[in-house]
Full PDB file with SEQRES, HELIX, SHEET, SSBOND, CRYST1, ORIGX, SCALE, CONECT and MASTER records, all heavy atoms in Angstrom:
SEQRES   1 A   40  ASP LYS GLU VAL LEU LYS ALA TYR THR VAL TRP GLN LYS          
SEQRES   2 A   40  LYS SER LEU TYR GLY ARG ILE PHE LEU GLY ILE VAL ARG          
SEQRES   3 A   40  THR THR PHE ILE ILE ASP GLU LYS GLY ILE ILE ALA LYS          
SEQRES   4 A   40  VAL                                                          
HELIX    1 AA1 GLU A    3  ALA A    7  1                                   5    
SHEET    1 AA1 2 TRP A  11  LEU A  16  0                                        
SHEET    2 AA1 2 ARG A  19  ILE A  24 -1                                        
SHEET    1 AA2 2 ILE A  30  ILE A  31  0                                        
SHEET    2 AA2 2 ILE A  37  LYS A  39 -1                                        
CRYST1    1.000    1.000    1.000  90.00  90.00  90.00 P 1           1          
ORIGX1      1.000000  0.000000  0.000000        0.00000                         
ORIGX2      0.000000  1.000000  0.000000        0.00000                         
ORIGX3      0.000000  0.000000  1.000000        0.00000                         
SCALE1      1.000000  0.000000  0.000000        0.00000                         
SCALE2      0.000000  1.000000  0.000000        0.00000                         
SCALE3      0.000000  0.000000  1.000000        0.00000                         
ATOM      1  N   ASP A   1     114.336 174.580 155.997  1.00  0.00           N  
ATOM      2  CA  ASP A   1     113.416 173.450 156.111  1.00  0.00           C  
ATOM      3  C   ASP A   1     113.649 172.497 154.973  1.00  0.00           C  
ATOM      4  O   ASP A   1     113.040 171.478 154.981  1.00  0.00           O  
ATOM      5  CB  ASP A   1     112.030 173.963 156.119  1.00  0.00           C  
ATOM      6  CG  ASP A   1     111.785 174.802 157.279  1.00  0.00           C  
ATOM      7  OD1 ASP A   1     112.420 174.618 158.354  1.00  0.00           O  
ATOM      8  OD2 ASP A   1     110.899 175.697 157.123  1.00  0.00           O  
ATOM      9  N   LYS A   2     114.427 172.802 153.987  1.00  0.00           N  
ATOM     10  CA  LYS A   2     114.841 171.947 152.840  1.00  0.00           C  
ATOM     11  C   LYS A   2     113.676 171.652 152.002  1.00  0.00           C  
ATOM     12  O   LYS A   2     113.783 170.642 151.187  1.00  0.00           O  
ATOM     13  CB  LYS A   2     115.518 170.701 153.464  1.00  0.00           C  
ATOM     14  CG  LYS A   2     116.741 171.008 154.181  1.00  0.00           C  
ATOM     15  CD  LYS A   2     117.356 169.828 154.838  1.00  0.00           C  
ATOM     16  CE  LYS A   2     118.442 170.158 155.706  1.00  0.00           C  
ATOM     17  NZ  LYS A   2     117.969 170.780 156.982  1.00  0.00           N  
ATOM     18  N   GLU A   3     112.533 172.241 152.064  1.00  0.00           N  
ATOM     19  CA  GLU A   3     111.406 172.011 151.145  1.00  0.00           C  
ATOM     20  C   GLU A   3     111.761 172.381 149.665  1.00  0.00           C  
ATOM     21  O   GLU A   3     111.370 171.549 148.841  1.00  0.00           O  
ATOM     22  CB  GLU A   3     110.185 172.909 151.636  1.00  0.00           C  
ATOM     23  CG  GLU A   3     109.635 172.511 152.977  1.00  0.00           C  
ATOM     24  CD  GLU A   3     108.587 173.322 153.447  1.00  0.00           C  
ATOM     25  OE1 GLU A   3     107.990 174.158 152.593  1.00  0.00           O  
ATOM     26  OE2 GLU A   3     108.211 173.230 154.586  1.00  0.00           O  
ATOM     27  N   VAL A   4     112.371 173.430 149.448  1.00  0.00           N  
ATOM     28  CA  VAL A   4     112.686 173.653 147.991  1.00  0.00           C  
ATOM     29  C   VAL A   4     113.813 172.799 147.463  1.00  0.00           C  
ATOM     30  O   VAL A   4     113.836 172.291 146.408  1.00  0.00           O  
ATOM     31  CB  VAL A   4     113.069 175.214 147.915  1.00  0.00           C  
ATOM     32  CG1 VAL A   4     113.499 175.546 146.400  1.00  0.00           C  
ATOM     33  CG2 VAL A   4     111.796 176.080 148.153  1.00  0.00           C  
ATOM     34  N   LEU A   5     114.787 172.552 148.381  1.00  0.00           N  
ATOM     35  CA  LEU A   5     115.912 171.639 147.973  1.00  0.00           C  
ATOM     36  C   LEU A   5     115.328 170.217 147.662  1.00  0.00           C  
ATOM     37  O   LEU A   5     115.736 169.625 146.623  1.00  0.00           O  
ATOM     38  CB  LEU A   5     116.853 171.431 149.203  1.00  0.00           C  
ATOM     39  CG  LEU A   5     117.569 172.673 149.664  1.00  0.00           C  
ATOM     40  CD1 LEU A   5     118.295 172.345 151.063  1.00  0.00           C  
ATOM     41  CD2 LEU A   5     118.474 173.295 148.719  1.00  0.00           C  
ATOM     42  N   LYS A   6     114.283 169.792 148.331  1.00  0.00           N  
ATOM     43  CA  LYS A   6     113.615 168.528 148.016  1.00  0.00           C  
ATOM     44  C   LYS A   6     112.796 168.717 146.767  1.00  0.00           C  
ATOM     45  O   LYS A   6     112.870 167.701 145.927  1.00  0.00           O  
ATOM     46  CB  LYS A   6     112.890 168.000 149.104  1.00  0.00           C  
ATOM     47  CG  LYS A   6     113.631 167.600 150.300  1.00  0.00           C  
ATOM     48  CD  LYS A   6     112.857 167.199 151.496  1.00  0.00           C  
ATOM     49  CE  LYS A   6     113.668 166.923 152.800  1.00  0.00           C  
ATOM     50  NZ  LYS A   6     112.866 166.735 153.965  1.00  0.00           N  
ATOM     51  N   ALA A   7     112.110 169.788 146.627  1.00  0.00           N  
ATOM     52  CA  ALA A   7     111.303 169.965 145.348  1.00  0.00           C  
ATOM     53  C   ALA A   7     112.179 169.982 144.113  1.00  0.00           C  
ATOM     54  O   ALA A   7     111.817 169.429 143.076  1.00  0.00           O  
ATOM     55  CB  ALA A   7     110.540 171.207 145.505  1.00  0.00           C  
ATOM     56  N   TYR A   8     113.357 170.502 144.259  1.00  0.00           N  
ATOM     57  CA  TYR A   8     114.253 170.531 143.084  1.00  0.00           C  
ATOM     58  C   TYR A   8     115.221 169.309 142.931  1.00  0.00           C  
ATOM     59  O   TYR A   8     116.042 169.294 142.138  1.00  0.00           O  
ATOM     60  CB  TYR A   8     115.183 171.830 143.059  1.00  0.00           C  
ATOM     61  CG  TYR A   8     114.424 173.033 142.542  1.00  0.00           C  
ATOM     62  CD1 TYR A   8     113.526 173.731 143.247  1.00  0.00           C  
ATOM     63  CD2 TYR A   8     114.569 173.341 141.127  1.00  0.00           C  
ATOM     64  CE1 TYR A   8     112.728 174.816 142.737  1.00  0.00           C  
ATOM     65  CE2 TYR A   8     113.821 174.327 140.580  1.00  0.00           C  
ATOM     66  CZ  TYR A   8     112.968 175.149 141.389  1.00  0.00           C  
ATOM     67  OH  TYR A   8     112.332 176.258 140.803  1.00  0.00           O  
ATOM     68  N   THR A   9     114.838 168.370 143.895  1.00  0.00           N  
ATOM     69  CA  THR A   9     115.589 167.084 143.969  1.00  0.00           C  
ATOM     70  C   THR A   9     117.147 167.235 144.158  1.00  0.00           C  
ATOM     71  O   THR A   9     117.822 166.325 143.633  1.00  0.00           O  
ATOM     72  CB  THR A   9     115.274 166.171 142.770  1.00  0.00           C  
ATOM     73  OG1 THR A   9     115.815 166.658 141.621  1.00  0.00           O  
ATOM     74  CG2 THR A   9     113.656 166.012 142.576  1.00  0.00           C  
ATOM     75  N   VAL A  10     117.539 168.219 144.828  1.00  0.00           N  
ATOM     76  CA  VAL A  10     119.041 168.413 145.054  1.00  0.00           C  
ATOM     77  C   VAL A  10     119.465 167.919 146.517  1.00  0.00           C  
ATOM     78  O   VAL A  10     120.639 167.891 146.832  1.00  0.00           O  
ATOM     79  CB  VAL A  10     119.507 169.841 144.783  1.00  0.00           C  
ATOM     80  CG1 VAL A  10     119.201 170.244 143.405  1.00  0.00           C  
ATOM     81  CG2 VAL A  10     118.900 170.796 145.788  1.00  0.00           C  
ATOM     82  N   TRP A  11     118.414 167.654 147.319  1.00  0.00           N  
ATOM     83  CA  TRP A  11     118.698 167.064 148.590  1.00  0.00           C  
ATOM     84  C   TRP A  11     118.863 165.527 148.539  1.00  0.00           C  
ATOM     85  O   TRP A  11     117.678 164.841 148.288  1.00  0.00           O  
ATOM     86  CB  TRP A  11     117.599 167.507 149.619  1.00  0.00           C  
ATOM     87  CG  TRP A  11     117.802 167.018 151.119  1.00  0.00           C  
ATOM     88  CD1 TRP A  11     117.206 166.123 151.707  1.00  0.00           C  
ATOM     89  CD2 TRP A  11     118.885 167.602 151.952  1.00  0.00           C  
ATOM     90  NE1 TRP A  11     117.676 166.024 153.006  1.00  0.00           N  
ATOM     91  CE2 TRP A  11     118.660 166.926 153.084  1.00  0.00           C  
ATOM     92  CE3 TRP A  11     119.727 168.525 151.818  1.00  0.00           C  
ATOM     93  CZ2 TRP A  11     119.494 167.316 154.286  1.00  0.00           C  
ATOM     94  CZ3 TRP A  11     120.454 168.848 152.998  1.00  0.00           C  
ATOM     95  CH2 TRP A  11     120.373 168.186 154.206  1.00  0.00           C  
ATOM     96  N   GLN A  12     119.999 164.984 148.530  1.00  0.00           N  
ATOM     97  CA  GLN A  12     120.204 163.634 148.176  1.00  0.00           C  
ATOM     98  C   GLN A  12     121.222 163.034 149.015  1.00  0.00           C  
ATOM     99  O   GLN A  12     121.871 163.708 149.860  1.00  0.00           O  
ATOM    100  CB  GLN A  12     120.672 163.562 146.652  1.00  0.00           C  
ATOM    101  CG  GLN A  12     119.813 164.036 145.587  1.00  0.00           C  
ATOM    102  CD  GLN A  12     120.464 163.992 144.291  1.00  0.00           C  
ATOM    103  OE1 GLN A  12     121.455 163.330 144.005  1.00  0.00           O  
ATOM    104  NE2 GLN A  12     119.879 164.712 143.428  1.00  0.00           N  
ATOM    105  N   LYS A  13     121.319 161.662 148.876  1.00  0.00           N  
ATOM    106  CA  LYS A  13     122.343 160.963 149.645  1.00  0.00           C  
ATOM    107  C   LYS A  13     123.661 161.212 149.095  1.00  0.00           C  
ATOM    108  O   LYS A  13     123.851 161.273 147.773  1.00  0.00           O  
ATOM    109  CB  LYS A  13     122.120 159.363 149.541  1.00  0.00           C  
ATOM    110  CG  LYS A  13     121.070 158.849 150.326  1.00  0.00           C  
ATOM    111  CD  LYS A  13     121.121 157.416 150.433  1.00  0.00           C  
ATOM    112  CE  LYS A  13     120.359 156.664 149.431  1.00  0.00           C  
ATOM    113  NZ  LYS A  13     120.204 155.384 149.531  1.00  0.00           N  
ATOM    114  N   LYS A  14     124.615 161.510 149.956  1.00  0.00           N  
ATOM    115  CA  LYS A  14     125.993 161.759 149.519  1.00  0.00           C  
ATOM    116  C   LYS A  14     126.932 160.853 150.389  1.00  0.00           C  
ATOM    117  O   LYS A  14     126.527 160.355 151.394  1.00  0.00           O  
ATOM    118  CB  LYS A  14     126.327 163.196 149.753  1.00  0.00           C  
ATOM    119  CG  LYS A  14     125.567 164.261 148.928  1.00  0.00           C  
ATOM    120  CD  LYS A  14     125.652 165.621 149.447  1.00  0.00           C  
ATOM    121  CE  LYS A  14     127.123 166.236 148.873  1.00  0.00           C  
ATOM    122  NZ  LYS A  14     127.235 167.607 149.140  1.00  0.00           N  
ATOM    123  N   SER A  15     128.115 160.810 149.884  1.00  0.00           N  
ATOM    124  CA  SER A  15     129.130 159.900 150.699  1.00  0.00           C  
ATOM    125  C   SER A  15     130.445 160.667 150.717  1.00  0.00           C  
ATOM    126  O   SER A  15     130.795 161.342 149.787  1.00  0.00           O  
ATOM    127  CB  SER A  15     129.260 158.592 149.838  1.00  0.00           C  
ATOM    128  OG  SER A  15     130.308 157.837 150.513  1.00  0.00           O  
ATOM    129  N   LEU A  16     130.951 160.738 151.798  1.00  0.00           N  
ATOM    130  CA  LEU A  16     132.283 161.371 152.034  1.00  0.00           C  
ATOM    131  C   LEU A  16     133.078 160.458 153.113  1.00  0.00           C  
ATOM    132  O   LEU A  16     132.653 160.270 154.165  1.00  0.00           O  
ATOM    133  CB  LEU A  16     132.163 162.713 152.593  1.00  0.00           C  
ATOM    134  CG  LEU A  16     133.299 163.590 152.875  1.00  0.00           C  
ATOM    135  CD1 LEU A  16     133.937 163.892 151.469  1.00  0.00           C  
ATOM    136  CD2 LEU A  16     133.071 164.998 153.468  1.00  0.00           C  
ATOM    137  N   TYR A  17     134.291 160.052 152.639  1.00  0.00           N  
ATOM    138  CA  TYR A  17     135.156 159.297 153.478  1.00  0.00           C  
ATOM    139  C   TYR A  17     134.395 158.080 154.031  1.00  0.00           C  
ATOM    140  O   TYR A  17     134.538 157.647 155.156  1.00  0.00           O  
ATOM    141  CB  TYR A  17     135.742 160.009 154.579  1.00  0.00           C  
ATOM    142  CG  TYR A  17     136.557 161.326 154.113  1.00  0.00           C  
ATOM    143  CD1 TYR A  17     136.051 162.579 154.485  1.00  0.00           C  
ATOM    144  CD2 TYR A  17     137.629 161.125 153.352  1.00  0.00           C  
ATOM    145  CE1 TYR A  17     136.858 163.685 154.055  1.00  0.00           C  
ATOM    146  CE2 TYR A  17     138.286 162.222 152.868  1.00  0.00           C  
ATOM    147  CZ  TYR A  17     137.932 163.575 153.204  1.00  0.00           C  
ATOM    148  OH  TYR A  17     138.537 164.635 152.774  1.00  0.00           O  
ATOM    149  N   GLY A  18     133.610 157.459 153.236  1.00  0.00           N  
ATOM    150  CA  GLY A  18     132.830 156.241 153.583  1.00  0.00           C  
ATOM    151  C   GLY A  18     131.541 156.579 154.397  1.00  0.00           C  
ATOM    152  O   GLY A  18     130.825 155.611 154.794  1.00  0.00           O  
ATOM    153  N   ARG A  19     131.313 157.730 154.810  1.00  0.00           N  
ATOM    154  CA  ARG A  19     130.134 158.119 155.697  1.00  0.00           C  
ATOM    155  C   ARG A  19     129.044 158.546 154.558  1.00  0.00           C  
ATOM    156  O   ARG A  19     129.161 159.308 153.689  1.00  0.00           O  
ATOM    157  CB  ARG A  19     130.429 159.231 156.572  1.00  0.00           C  
ATOM    158  CG  ARG A  19     129.363 159.708 157.537  1.00  0.00           C  
ATOM    159  CD  ARG A  19     129.855 160.674 158.627  1.00  0.00           C  
ATOM    160  NE  ARG A  19     129.951 162.069 157.932  1.00  0.00           N  
ATOM    161  CZ  ARG A  19     128.975 162.887 157.883  1.00  0.00           C  
ATOM    162  NH1 ARG A  19     127.800 162.591 158.431  1.00  0.00           N  
ATOM    163  NH2 ARG A  19     129.129 164.084 157.303  1.00  0.00           N  
ATOM    164  N   ILE A  20     127.783 158.016 154.779  1.00  0.00           N  
ATOM    165  CA  ILE A  20     126.717 158.389 153.961  1.00  0.00           C  
ATOM    166  C   ILE A  20     125.693 159.258 154.774  1.00  0.00           C  
ATOM    167  O   ILE A  20     125.480 159.021 155.861  1.00  0.00           O  
ATOM    168  CB  ILE A  20     125.883 157.046 153.471  1.00  0.00           C  
ATOM    169  CG1 ILE A  20     126.788 156.107 152.611  1.00  0.00           C  
ATOM    170  CG2 ILE A  20     124.658 157.500 152.782  1.00  0.00           C  
ATOM    171  CD1 ILE A  20     126.267 154.879 152.267  1.00  0.00           C  
ATOM    172  N   PHE A  21     125.428 160.402 154.027  1.00  0.00           N  
ATOM    173  CA  PHE A  21     124.679 161.416 154.745  1.00  0.00           C  
ATOM    174  C   PHE A  21     123.767 162.084 153.695  1.00  0.00           C  
ATOM    175  O   PHE A  21     124.028 161.862 152.416  1.00  0.00           O  
ATOM    176  CB  PHE A  21     125.416 162.341 155.429  1.00  0.00           C  
ATOM    177  CG  PHE A  21     126.459 163.163 154.602  1.00  0.00           C  
ATOM    178  CD1 PHE A  21     126.110 164.263 154.040  1.00  0.00           C  
ATOM    179  CD2 PHE A  21     127.593 162.506 154.167  1.00  0.00           C  
ATOM    180  CE1 PHE A  21     126.995 165.088 153.267  1.00  0.00           C  
ATOM    181  CE2 PHE A  21     128.512 163.130 153.359  1.00  0.00           C  
ATOM    182  CZ  PHE A  21     128.219 164.373 152.891  1.00  0.00           C  
ATOM    183  N   LEU A  22     122.743 162.727 154.227  1.00  0.00           N  
ATOM    184  CA  LEU A  22     121.896 163.767 153.171  1.00  0.00           C  
ATOM    185  C   LEU A  22     122.513 165.039 153.092  1.00  0.00           C  
ATOM    186  O   LEU A  22     122.945 165.576 154.122  1.00  0.00           O  
ATOM    187  CB  LEU A  22     120.470 163.726 153.619  1.00  0.00           C  
ATOM    188  CG  LEU A  22     119.639 162.531 153.513  1.00  0.00           C  
ATOM    189  CD1 LEU A  22     118.329 162.642 154.242  1.00  0.00           C  
ATOM    190  CD2 LEU A  22     119.383 162.214 151.962  1.00  0.00           C  
ATOM    191  N   GLY A  23     122.634 165.592 151.921  1.00  0.00           N  
ATOM    192  CA  GLY A  23     123.079 166.861 151.702  1.00  0.00           C  
ATOM    193  C   GLY A  23     122.781 167.444 150.349  1.00  0.00           C  
ATOM    194  O   GLY A  23     121.987 166.771 149.530  1.00  0.00           O  
ATOM    195  N   ILE A  24     123.258 168.613 150.068  1.00  0.00           N  
ATOM    196  CA  ILE A  24     122.849 169.359 148.926  1.00  0.00           C  
ATOM    197  C   ILE A  24     123.857 169.032 147.747  1.00  0.00           C  
ATOM    198  O   ILE A  24     125.175 169.061 147.871  1.00  0.00           O  
ATOM    199  CB  ILE A  24     122.852 170.860 148.954  1.00  0.00           C  
ATOM    200  CG1 ILE A  24     121.830 171.347 150.049  1.00  0.00           C  
ATOM    201  CG2 ILE A  24     122.674 171.588 147.660  1.00  0.00           C  
ATOM    202  CD1 ILE A  24     121.931 172.695 150.488  1.00  0.00           C  
ATOM    203  N   VAL A  25     123.326 168.448 146.666  1.00  0.00           N  
ATOM    204  CA  VAL A  25     124.238 168.143 145.493  1.00  0.00           C  
ATOM    205  C   VAL A  25     124.238 169.401 144.618  1.00  0.00           C  
ATOM    206  O   VAL A  25     123.106 169.856 144.298  1.00  0.00           O  
ATOM    207  CB  VAL A  25     123.555 166.882 144.694  1.00  0.00           C  
ATOM    208  CG1 VAL A  25     124.388 166.712 143.336  1.00  0.00           C  
ATOM    209  CG2 VAL A  25     123.591 165.707 145.593  1.00  0.00           C  
ATOM    210  N   ARG A  26     125.391 169.876 144.411  1.00  0.00           N  
ATOM    211  CA  ARG A  26     125.531 171.114 143.605  1.00  0.00           C  
ATOM    212  C   ARG A  26     124.996 170.942 142.306  1.00  0.00           C  
ATOM    213  O   ARG A  26     125.512 170.192 141.402  1.00  0.00           O  
ATOM    214  CB  ARG A  26     127.077 171.406 143.633  1.00  0.00           C  
ATOM    215  CG  ARG A  26     127.446 172.789 143.021  1.00  0.00           C  
ATOM    216  CD  ARG A  26     129.000 173.005 142.855  1.00  0.00           C  
ATOM    217  NE  ARG A  26     129.695 172.689 144.104  1.00  0.00           N  
ATOM    218  CZ  ARG A  26     129.833 173.510 145.108  1.00  0.00           C  
ATOM    219  NH1 ARG A  26     129.363 174.760 145.195  1.00  0.00           N  
ATOM    220  NH2 ARG A  26     130.592 173.151 146.161  1.00  0.00           N  
ATOM    221  N   THR A  27     123.994 171.703 142.052  1.00  0.00           N  
ATOM    222  CA  THR A  27     123.085 171.674 140.805  1.00  0.00           C  
ATOM    223  C   THR A  27     122.679 173.065 140.463  1.00  0.00           C  
ATOM    224  O   THR A  27     122.381 173.882 141.272  1.00  0.00           O  
ATOM    225  CB  THR A  27     121.874 170.824 141.051  1.00  0.00           C  
ATOM    226  OG1 THR A  27     122.243 169.514 141.598  1.00  0.00           O  
ATOM    227  CG2 THR A  27     121.111 170.557 139.798  1.00  0.00           C  
ATOM    228  N   THR A  28     122.667 173.298 139.051  1.00  0.00           N  
ATOM    229  CA  THR A  28     122.152 174.612 138.548  1.00  0.00           C  
ATOM    230  C   THR A  28     121.021 174.296 137.554  1.00  0.00           C  
ATOM    231  O   THR A  28     121.064 173.302 136.755  1.00  0.00           O  
ATOM    232  CB  THR A  28     123.239 175.343 137.727  1.00  0.00           C  
ATOM    233  OG1 THR A  28     124.284 175.548 138.755  1.00  0.00           O  
ATOM    234  CG2 THR A  28     122.760 176.574 137.150  1.00  0.00           C  
ATOM    235  N   PHE A  29     120.021 175.176 137.618  1.00  0.00           N  
ATOM    236  CA  PHE A  29     118.811 175.099 136.734  1.00  0.00           C  
ATOM    237  C   PHE A  29     118.809 176.431 135.965  1.00  0.00           C  
ATOM    238  O   PHE A  29     118.919 177.527 136.662  1.00  0.00           O  
ATOM    239  CB  PHE A  29     117.526 174.875 137.522  1.00  0.00           C  
ATOM    240  CG  PHE A  29     117.455 173.643 138.157  1.00  0.00           C  
ATOM    241  CD1 PHE A  29     117.989 173.387 139.494  1.00  0.00           C  
ATOM    242  CD2 PHE A  29     116.825 172.508 137.593  1.00  0.00           C  
ATOM    243  CE1 PHE A  29     117.796 172.237 140.193  1.00  0.00           C  
ATOM    244  CE2 PHE A  29     116.794 171.286 138.186  1.00  0.00           C  
ATOM    245  CZ  PHE A  29     117.300 171.159 139.450  1.00  0.00           C  
ATOM    246  N   ILE A  30     118.534 176.418 134.733  1.00  0.00           N  
ATOM    247  CA  ILE A  30     118.170 177.569 134.032  1.00  0.00           C  
ATOM    248  C   ILE A  30     116.695 177.474 133.730  1.00  0.00           C  
ATOM    249  O   ILE A  30     116.223 176.485 133.198  1.00  0.00           O  
ATOM    250  CB  ILE A  30     118.932 177.725 132.659  1.00  0.00           C  
ATOM    251  CG1 ILE A  30     120.446 177.872 132.875  1.00  0.00           C  
ATOM    252  CG2 ILE A  30     118.431 178.997 131.860  1.00  0.00           C  
ATOM    253  CD1 ILE A  30     121.200 177.905 131.547  1.00  0.00           C  
ATOM    254  N   ILE A  31     115.939 178.482 134.250  1.00  0.00           N  
ATOM    255  CA  ILE A  31     114.497 178.426 134.138  1.00  0.00           C  
ATOM    256  C   ILE A  31     114.183 179.646 133.137  1.00  0.00           C  
ATOM    257  O   ILE A  31     114.648 180.675 133.265  1.00  0.00           O  
ATOM    258  CB  ILE A  31     113.901 178.799 135.536  1.00  0.00           C  
ATOM    259  CG1 ILE A  31     114.374 177.606 136.539  1.00  0.00           C  
ATOM    260  CG2 ILE A  31     112.360 178.870 135.406  1.00  0.00           C  
ATOM    261  CD1 ILE A  31     114.119 177.854 137.907  1.00  0.00           C  
ATOM    262  N   ASP A  32     113.291 179.280 132.231  1.00  0.00           N  
ATOM    263  CA  ASP A  32     112.994 180.294 131.180  1.00  0.00           C  
ATOM    264  C   ASP A  32     112.019 181.357 131.735  1.00  0.00           C  
ATOM    265  O   ASP A  32     111.504 181.344 132.930  1.00  0.00           O  
ATOM    266  CB  ASP A  32     112.564 179.590 129.886  1.00  0.00           C  
ATOM    267  CG  ASP A  32     111.133 179.069 130.041  1.00  0.00           C  
ATOM    268  OD1 ASP A  32     110.341 179.387 130.904  1.00  0.00           O  
ATOM    269  OD2 ASP A  32     110.740 178.265 128.976  1.00  0.00           O  
ATOM    270  N   GLU A  33     111.681 182.250 130.764  1.00  0.00           N  
ATOM    271  CA  GLU A  33     110.849 183.396 131.164  1.00  0.00           C  
ATOM    272  C   GLU A  33     109.431 183.040 131.655  1.00  0.00           C  
ATOM    273  O   GLU A  33     108.733 183.786 132.283  1.00  0.00           O  
ATOM    274  CB  GLU A  33     110.728 184.422 130.012  1.00  0.00           C  
ATOM    275  CG  GLU A  33     112.003 184.906 129.538  1.00  0.00           C  
ATOM    276  CD  GLU A  33     112.881 184.025 128.508  1.00  0.00           C  
ATOM    277  OE1 GLU A  33     112.543 182.815 128.342  1.00  0.00           O  
ATOM    278  OE2 GLU A  33     113.766 184.544 127.871  1.00  0.00           O  
ATOM    279  N   LYS A  34     109.036 181.798 131.387  1.00  0.00           N  
ATOM    280  CA  LYS A  34     107.667 181.348 131.616  1.00  0.00           C  
ATOM    281  C   LYS A  34     107.665 180.379 132.785  1.00  0.00           C  
ATOM    282  O   LYS A  34     106.642 179.798 133.154  1.00  0.00           O  
ATOM    283  CB  LYS A  34     106.992 180.640 130.433  1.00  0.00           C  
ATOM    284  CG  LYS A  34     106.740 181.549 129.279  1.00  0.00           C  
ATOM    285  CD  LYS A  34     106.065 180.910 128.107  1.00  0.00           C  
ATOM    286  CE  LYS A  34     105.947 181.917 126.966  1.00  0.00           C  
ATOM    287  NZ  LYS A  34     105.503 181.255 125.815  1.00  0.00           N  
ATOM    288  N   GLY A  35     108.873 180.156 133.439  1.00  0.00           N  
ATOM    289  CA  GLY A  35     108.912 179.220 134.586  1.00  0.00           C  
ATOM    290  C   GLY A  35     109.130 177.777 134.217  1.00  0.00           C  
ATOM    291  O   GLY A  35     108.888 176.909 135.127  1.00  0.00           O  
ATOM    292  N   ILE A  36     109.648 177.420 133.063  1.00  0.00           N  
ATOM    293  CA  ILE A  36     109.877 176.167 132.669  1.00  0.00           C  
ATOM    294  C   ILE A  36     111.366 175.879 132.556  1.00  0.00           C  
ATOM    295  O   ILE A  36     112.160 176.728 132.335  1.00  0.00           O  
ATOM    296  CB  ILE A  36     109.316 175.914 131.163  1.00  0.00           C  
ATOM    297  CG1 ILE A  36     107.846 176.218 131.079  1.00  0.00           C  
ATOM    298  CG2 ILE A  36     109.773 174.546 130.768  1.00  0.00           C  
ATOM    299  CD1 ILE A  36     106.970 175.312 131.904  1.00  0.00           C  
ATOM    300  N   ILE A  37     111.681 174.736 133.161  1.00  0.00           N  
ATOM    301  CA  ILE A  37     113.219 174.415 133.142  1.00  0.00           C  
ATOM    302  C   ILE A  37     113.825 174.285 131.788  1.00  0.00           C  
ATOM    303  O   ILE A  37     113.257 173.412 131.001  1.00  0.00           O  
ATOM    304  CB  ILE A  37     113.430 173.179 134.004  1.00  0.00           C  
ATOM    305  CG1 ILE A  37     113.034 173.352 135.421  1.00  0.00           C  
ATOM    306  CG2 ILE A  37     114.949 172.704 133.932  1.00  0.00           C  
ATOM    307  CD1 ILE A  37     112.928 172.015 136.326  1.00  0.00           C  
ATOM    308  N   ALA A  38     114.749 175.104 131.482  1.00  0.00           N  
ATOM    309  CA  ALA A  38     115.391 175.056 130.112  1.00  0.00           C  
ATOM    310  C   ALA A  38     116.520 174.166 130.044  1.00  0.00           C  
ATOM    311  O   ALA A  38     116.873 173.563 129.066  1.00  0.00           O  
ATOM    312  CB  ALA A  38     115.711 176.456 129.615  1.00  0.00           C  
ATOM    313  N   LYS A  39     117.302 174.105 131.308  1.00  0.00           N  
ATOM    314  CA  LYS A  39     118.585 173.287 131.283  1.00  0.00           C  
ATOM    315  C   LYS A  39     118.909 172.958 132.715  1.00  0.00           C  
ATOM    316  O   LYS A  39     118.637 173.801 133.639  1.00  0.00           O  
ATOM    317  CB  LYS A  39     119.761 174.182 130.620  1.00  0.00           C  
ATOM    318  CG  LYS A  39     121.066 173.589 130.638  1.00  0.00           C  
ATOM    319  CD  LYS A  39     121.385 172.741 129.435  1.00  0.00           C  
ATOM    320  CE  LYS A  39     122.834 172.279 129.345  1.00  0.00           C  
ATOM    321  NZ  LYS A  39     122.920 171.068 128.660  1.00  0.00           N  
ATOM    322  N   VAL A  40     119.341 171.776 132.934  1.00  0.00           N  
ATOM    323  CA  VAL A  40     119.840 171.243 134.236  1.00  0.00           C  
ATOM    324  C   VAL A  40     121.333 171.015 134.149  1.00  0.00           C  
ATOM    325  O   VAL A  40     121.692 170.226 133.151  1.00  0.00           O  
ATOM    326  CB  VAL A  40     118.986 170.061 134.690  1.00  0.00           C  
ATOM    327  CG1 VAL A  40     119.382 169.603 136.067  1.00  0.00           C  
ATOM    328  CG2 VAL A  40     117.488 170.364 134.651  1.00  0.00           C  
TER     329      VAL A  40                                                      
MASTER        0    0    0    1    4    0    0    6  328    1    0    4          
END                                                                             
């Protein structure tokens, strides 16, 4: 349903061979022991 993808803002506009579409931008988050983002 892409709800978490959107919450983490990785569901974005992408372009491939001149075609624009929505897709997942490869992204990694390190989340600390308390649930806070430590690194993106």
